[in-house]
Protein backbone atom coordinates (compact mmCIF):
# COMPACT_ATOMS: atom_id res chain seq x y z
CA MET A 1 -2.94 -38.02 76.00
CA ALA A 2 -2.58 -36.02 79.12
CA SER A 3 1.23 -36.10 78.89
CA GLU A 4 1.01 -35.23 75.21
CA SER A 5 -1.23 -32.34 75.95
CA ARG A 6 1.20 -31.30 78.62
CA HIS A 7 4.11 -31.60 76.23
CA SER A 8 2.31 -29.63 73.56
CA LYS A 9 1.55 -26.88 76.11
CA ASN A 10 5.17 -26.75 77.26
CA HIS A 11 6.34 -26.59 73.68
CA ALA A 12 4.02 -23.68 72.97
CA ASN A 13 5.30 -21.87 76.06
CA ALA A 14 8.86 -22.37 74.90
CA GLN A 15 8.04 -20.42 71.74
CA LYS A 16 6.84 -17.40 73.73
CA GLY A 17 8.85 -14.61 75.29
CA PRO A 18 8.40 -12.69 78.55
CA GLY A 19 4.78 -12.21 79.57
CA GLY A 20 3.66 -15.06 77.38
CA MET A 21 4.28 -13.16 74.10
CA SER A 22 5.74 -14.63 70.97
CA PRO A 23 9.02 -13.24 69.56
CA LEU A 24 7.00 -11.46 66.87
CA GLN A 25 4.83 -9.78 69.48
CA VAL A 26 7.88 -8.75 71.51
CA GLY A 27 9.46 -7.25 68.40
CA LEU A 28 6.31 -5.29 67.53
CA LEU A 29 6.09 -4.00 71.08
CA LEU A 30 9.67 -2.76 70.98
CA VAL A 31 9.03 -0.95 67.70
CA ALA A 32 5.92 0.68 69.18
CA VAL A 33 7.84 1.83 72.27
CA ILE A 34 10.62 3.34 70.14
CA LEU A 35 8.09 5.20 67.98
CA LEU A 36 6.25 6.47 71.06
CA VAL A 37 9.45 7.79 72.65
CA GLY A 38 10.34 9.58 69.42
CA ILE A 39 6.92 11.22 69.15
CA VAL A 40 7.00 12.36 72.77
CA TYR A 41 10.49 13.84 72.27
CA VAL A 42 9.45 15.78 69.17
CA PHE A 43 6.30 17.22 70.72
CA THR A 44 8.09 18.08 73.98
CA THR A 45 10.85 19.90 72.13
CA GLN A 46 8.33 21.86 70.08
CA ALA A 47 6.28 22.75 73.15
CA GLN A 48 9.28 23.93 75.12
CA GLY A 49 10.84 25.70 72.17
CA GLY A 50 14.24 24.72 73.56
CA GLN A 51 15.87 26.58 76.44
CA ALA A 52 16.06 30.37 76.06
CA PRO A 53 19.63 31.18 75.01
CA PRO A 54 21.64 33.60 77.17
CA ASN A 55 21.61 36.06 74.28
CA PRO A 56 18.21 35.58 72.60
CA SER A 57 17.30 37.06 69.26
CA ALA A 58 14.70 39.77 69.60
CA GLN A 59 11.19 39.35 68.29
CA ALA A 60 11.22 42.39 66.04
CA PHE A 61 8.66 45.11 66.70
CA GLY A 62 6.46 45.44 63.65
CA THR A 63 7.68 44.08 60.33
CA PRO A 64 11.29 42.80 60.47
CA LYS A 65 13.62 44.71 58.18
CA PRO A 66 16.00 42.84 55.87
CA GLY A 67 19.64 43.05 56.86
CA VAL A 68 18.95 44.22 60.42
CA ASN A 69 20.62 42.33 63.28
CA TYR A 70 17.93 41.77 65.93
CA THR A 71 20.35 40.38 68.52
CA LEU A 72 19.79 41.67 72.03
CA PRO A 73 22.56 42.62 74.48
CA LYS A 74 23.73 39.64 76.52
CA ALA A 75 22.49 41.18 79.78
CA VAL A 76 18.85 41.24 78.65
CA GLU A 77 16.40 39.16 80.69
CA LEU A 78 13.08 37.87 79.41
CA THR A 79 10.13 39.00 81.53
CA GLY A 80 7.68 36.43 80.21
CA LYS A 81 5.19 39.22 79.50
CA ALA A 82 3.38 39.92 76.23
CA SER A 83 4.12 42.93 74.05
CA CYS A 84 2.53 46.10 75.43
CA SER A 85 3.46 48.62 72.74
CA ASN A 86 0.68 50.31 70.84
CA GLY A 87 0.63 51.46 67.24
CA SER A 88 3.99 52.32 65.74
CA GLN A 89 5.66 53.37 69.01
CA MET A 90 7.50 50.88 71.19
CA GLN A 91 7.13 51.39 74.92
CA VAL A 92 10.31 51.84 76.96
CA LEU A 93 10.01 52.30 80.73
CA LEU A 94 13.01 53.65 82.64
CA PHE A 95 12.83 52.84 86.36
CA THR A 96 15.07 55.06 88.49
CA ASP A 97 15.46 56.26 92.07
CA PRO A 98 16.65 59.87 92.58
CA TYR A 99 18.93 58.69 95.40
CA CYS A 100 20.29 55.60 93.62
CA PRO A 101 24.09 55.90 93.14
CA ALA A 102 24.02 53.78 89.97
CA CYS A 103 21.25 56.00 88.57
CA ALA A 104 23.37 59.07 89.18
CA ALA A 105 26.40 57.44 87.57
CA ASN A 106 24.42 56.44 84.47
CA GLU A 107 22.34 59.61 84.23
CA PRO A 108 24.20 61.00 81.18
CA ILE A 109 23.62 57.77 79.20
CA ILE A 110 19.98 57.41 80.26
CA SER A 111 19.15 61.07 79.61
CA LYS A 112 20.80 60.97 76.20
CA PHE A 113 18.67 57.98 75.21
CA TYR A 114 15.55 59.69 76.55
CA ARG A 115 16.19 62.93 74.65
CA GLN A 116 17.07 61.14 71.42
CA TYR A 117 14.19 58.65 71.29
CA LYS A 118 11.35 60.00 73.46
CA ASP A 119 9.42 61.17 70.41
CA GLN A 120 10.28 58.21 68.19
CA ALA A 121 9.38 55.71 70.92
CA ASN A 122 7.07 55.93 73.93
CA VAL A 123 9.84 56.47 76.50
CA GLN A 124 8.72 57.19 80.06
CA PHE A 125 10.42 57.42 83.41
CA ARG A 126 9.11 55.61 86.46
CA PHE A 127 10.36 56.81 89.83
CA VAL A 128 10.61 54.03 92.42
CA SER A 129 12.41 53.28 95.67
CA THR A 130 15.60 51.27 96.04
CA HIS A 131 18.39 53.20 97.77
CA SER A 132 15.84 55.69 99.09
CA ARG A 133 14.61 53.12 101.57
CA SER A 134 17.90 53.27 103.46
CA LEU A 135 17.49 57.03 103.91
CA SER A 136 13.94 56.95 105.26
CA PRO A 137 14.74 55.90 108.87
CA ALA A 138 17.08 58.87 109.34
CA TYR A 139 15.19 61.57 107.43
CA GLY A 140 11.58 60.41 107.25
CA ILE A 141 9.55 59.15 104.31
CA ASN A 142 8.13 62.52 103.26
CA GLU A 143 11.53 64.24 103.31
CA VAL A 144 13.03 61.51 101.13
CA TYR A 145 10.19 60.87 98.71
CA GLN A 146 9.36 64.46 97.85
CA ALA A 147 12.24 64.22 95.37
CA HIS A 148 10.32 61.44 93.63
CA ASP A 149 7.21 63.63 93.58
CA TYR A 150 9.03 66.51 91.92
CA HIS A 151 10.50 64.20 89.30
CA VAL A 152 7.04 62.84 88.50
CA CYS A 153 5.70 66.36 88.02
CA ALA A 154 8.72 67.44 85.97
CA GLN A 155 7.99 64.56 83.59
CA GLU A 156 4.40 65.72 83.20
CA GLN A 157 5.78 69.05 81.97
CA ASP A 158 8.27 67.28 79.66
CA LYS A 159 11.26 68.63 81.58
CA VAL A 160 12.30 65.57 83.53
CA ASP A 161 15.79 65.23 82.06
CA GLN A 162 16.58 68.90 82.75
CA PHE A 163 15.23 68.61 86.28
CA THR A 164 17.27 65.45 86.94
CA LYS A 165 20.48 67.17 85.83
CA CYS A 166 19.83 70.07 88.19
CA PHE A 167 18.95 67.66 91.00
CA TYR A 168 22.20 65.71 90.69
CA LYS A 169 24.32 68.85 90.48
CA GLN A 170 23.18 69.99 93.90
CA LEU A 171 23.10 66.54 95.53
CA VAL A 172 25.27 66.37 98.65
CA ILE A 173 27.01 63.26 100.01
CA GLN A 174 27.80 63.06 103.70
CA ASP A 175 29.42 60.11 105.49
CA GLY A 176 29.15 58.08 102.30
CA ASN A 177 25.43 58.63 101.80
CA TYR A 178 23.14 61.15 100.16
CA ILE A 179 21.42 63.93 102.08
CA PRO A 180 17.82 64.25 100.82
CA GLN A 181 17.05 67.56 99.20
CA ASN A 182 14.47 69.72 100.91
CA LYS A 183 11.51 71.47 99.32
CA THR A 184 13.42 74.72 98.87
CA GLN A 185 16.16 72.98 96.90
CA LEU A 186 13.68 71.07 94.76
CA GLU A 187 11.69 74.22 94.02
CA ALA A 188 14.91 75.97 93.05
CA CYS A 189 15.53 73.29 90.42
CA GLY A 190 11.96 73.62 89.23
CA THR A 191 12.42 77.34 88.75
CA GLN A 192 15.78 76.86 87.03
CA VAL A 193 14.39 74.44 84.41
CA GLY A 194 11.21 76.47 83.89
CA LEU A 195 8.51 74.33 85.52
CA ASP A 196 5.13 76.01 85.53
CA LYS A 197 4.42 76.75 89.21
CA ALA A 198 0.65 76.42 88.97
CA ALA A 199 0.89 73.09 87.15
CA LEU A 200 3.50 71.90 89.66
CA ASP A 201 1.32 72.79 92.63
CA ALA A 202 -1.59 70.94 91.03
CA CYS A 203 0.53 67.87 90.31
CA LEU A 204 2.35 67.38 93.62
CA PRO A 205 -0.60 66.18 95.77
CA GLY A 206 -1.19 63.20 93.47
CA ALA A 207 2.44 62.43 92.65
CA ARG A 208 3.03 60.01 95.54
CA ALA A 209 0.27 57.71 94.31
CA LYS A 210 2.06 57.53 90.95
CA VAL A 211 5.29 56.59 92.69
CA ASP A 212 3.49 53.82 94.57
CA ALA A 213 1.95 52.58 91.30
CA ALA A 214 5.38 52.60 89.63
CA ILE A 215 6.79 50.42 92.42
CA VAL A 216 4.01 47.88 91.88
CA GLU A 217 4.56 48.00 88.11
CA ALA A 218 8.32 47.46 88.48
CA ALA A 219 7.79 44.43 90.69
CA GLU A 220 5.23 42.92 88.31
CA LEU A 221 7.50 43.34 85.29
CA GLY A 222 10.45 41.98 87.26
CA GLY A 223 8.72 38.84 88.46
CA GLY A 224 8.50 40.13 92.03
CA THR A 225 11.81 41.98 92.16
CA TYR A 226 13.31 45.05 90.51
CA TYR A 227 16.42 47.19 90.58
CA THR A 228 17.50 50.65 89.47
CA PRO A 229 18.34 51.86 86.96
CA MET A 230 16.20 49.35 85.07
CA ALA A 231 14.69 49.53 81.60
CA VAL A 232 11.76 47.41 80.47
CA VAL A 233 11.34 47.44 76.71
CA ASP A 234 8.00 46.46 75.17
CA CYS A 235 7.18 44.75 78.50
CA ARG A 236 9.08 41.69 77.21
CA TYR A 237 12.69 42.55 77.95
CA ARG A 238 14.37 43.81 81.12
CA VAL A 239 17.89 45.24 81.23
CA ASN A 240 20.06 47.80 82.98
CA ALA A 241 18.85 51.19 81.78
CA ALA A 242 22.34 51.99 80.49
CA LEU A 243 21.59 49.39 77.78
CA ALA A 244 18.12 50.71 76.98
CA GLN A 245 19.22 52.16 73.65
CA ALA A 246 20.95 48.97 72.50
CA THR A 247 17.89 46.92 73.44
CA TYR A 248 15.46 49.32 71.79
CA CYS A 249 17.54 49.42 68.61
CA ALA A 250 17.76 45.61 68.48
CA LEU A 251 13.98 45.33 68.76
CA SER A 252 12.96 48.17 66.48
CA GLY A 253 15.73 48.13 63.87
CA ALA A 254 15.18 51.89 63.77
CA CYS A 255 18.60 53.13 64.91
């Protein structure tokens, strides 16, 4: 009896697979594993939304218009921020440095976009420091950054593009670098473009704080870094400011 019991036990074990499971149990386990892997894959793909393509399609501002191509320029970067535009106007921030060579080179394109769309969209300049930092050791912070202050105050009087044109016309390069403009030169531009002197004098003392705030804002929107000239459209998209119009048009469908 004992040997029979032993034989019967060995026979039963022979009918089982790994871990003491029968072939049926092994088969069911495999099916369950396959189903589980499939479910995990589906949910992971949906959660990730796939990898962001190099040239993503814009999330249209407002109601998408039929027949409009909402494809962004290839150079656009996603900031990971939420939309910050209010009402019917899309926000476009243009970050520039008065002493940035690339800003000077692209000034005609940037100013044209500003003039054409500043009323249709909420287009604002932000004056920050990039190339200016290299000038500070030789000329001093106040001598360098007073140009930023004047630009801030020119924007408050809605004459920033005119002031910038005047500024670049009288900008001097020496030994391959800019020479910061002094107060007399900056005031001459203010007079030429018609800045109100009383309003300018009231604005200048607080202008540096706005420059500092713009630097913080640029870094936050850039994930810790920024460059000039840089445009940030609807807080969601970052691109060279020379492509601000193309990016704005792709998002708004209004061009």
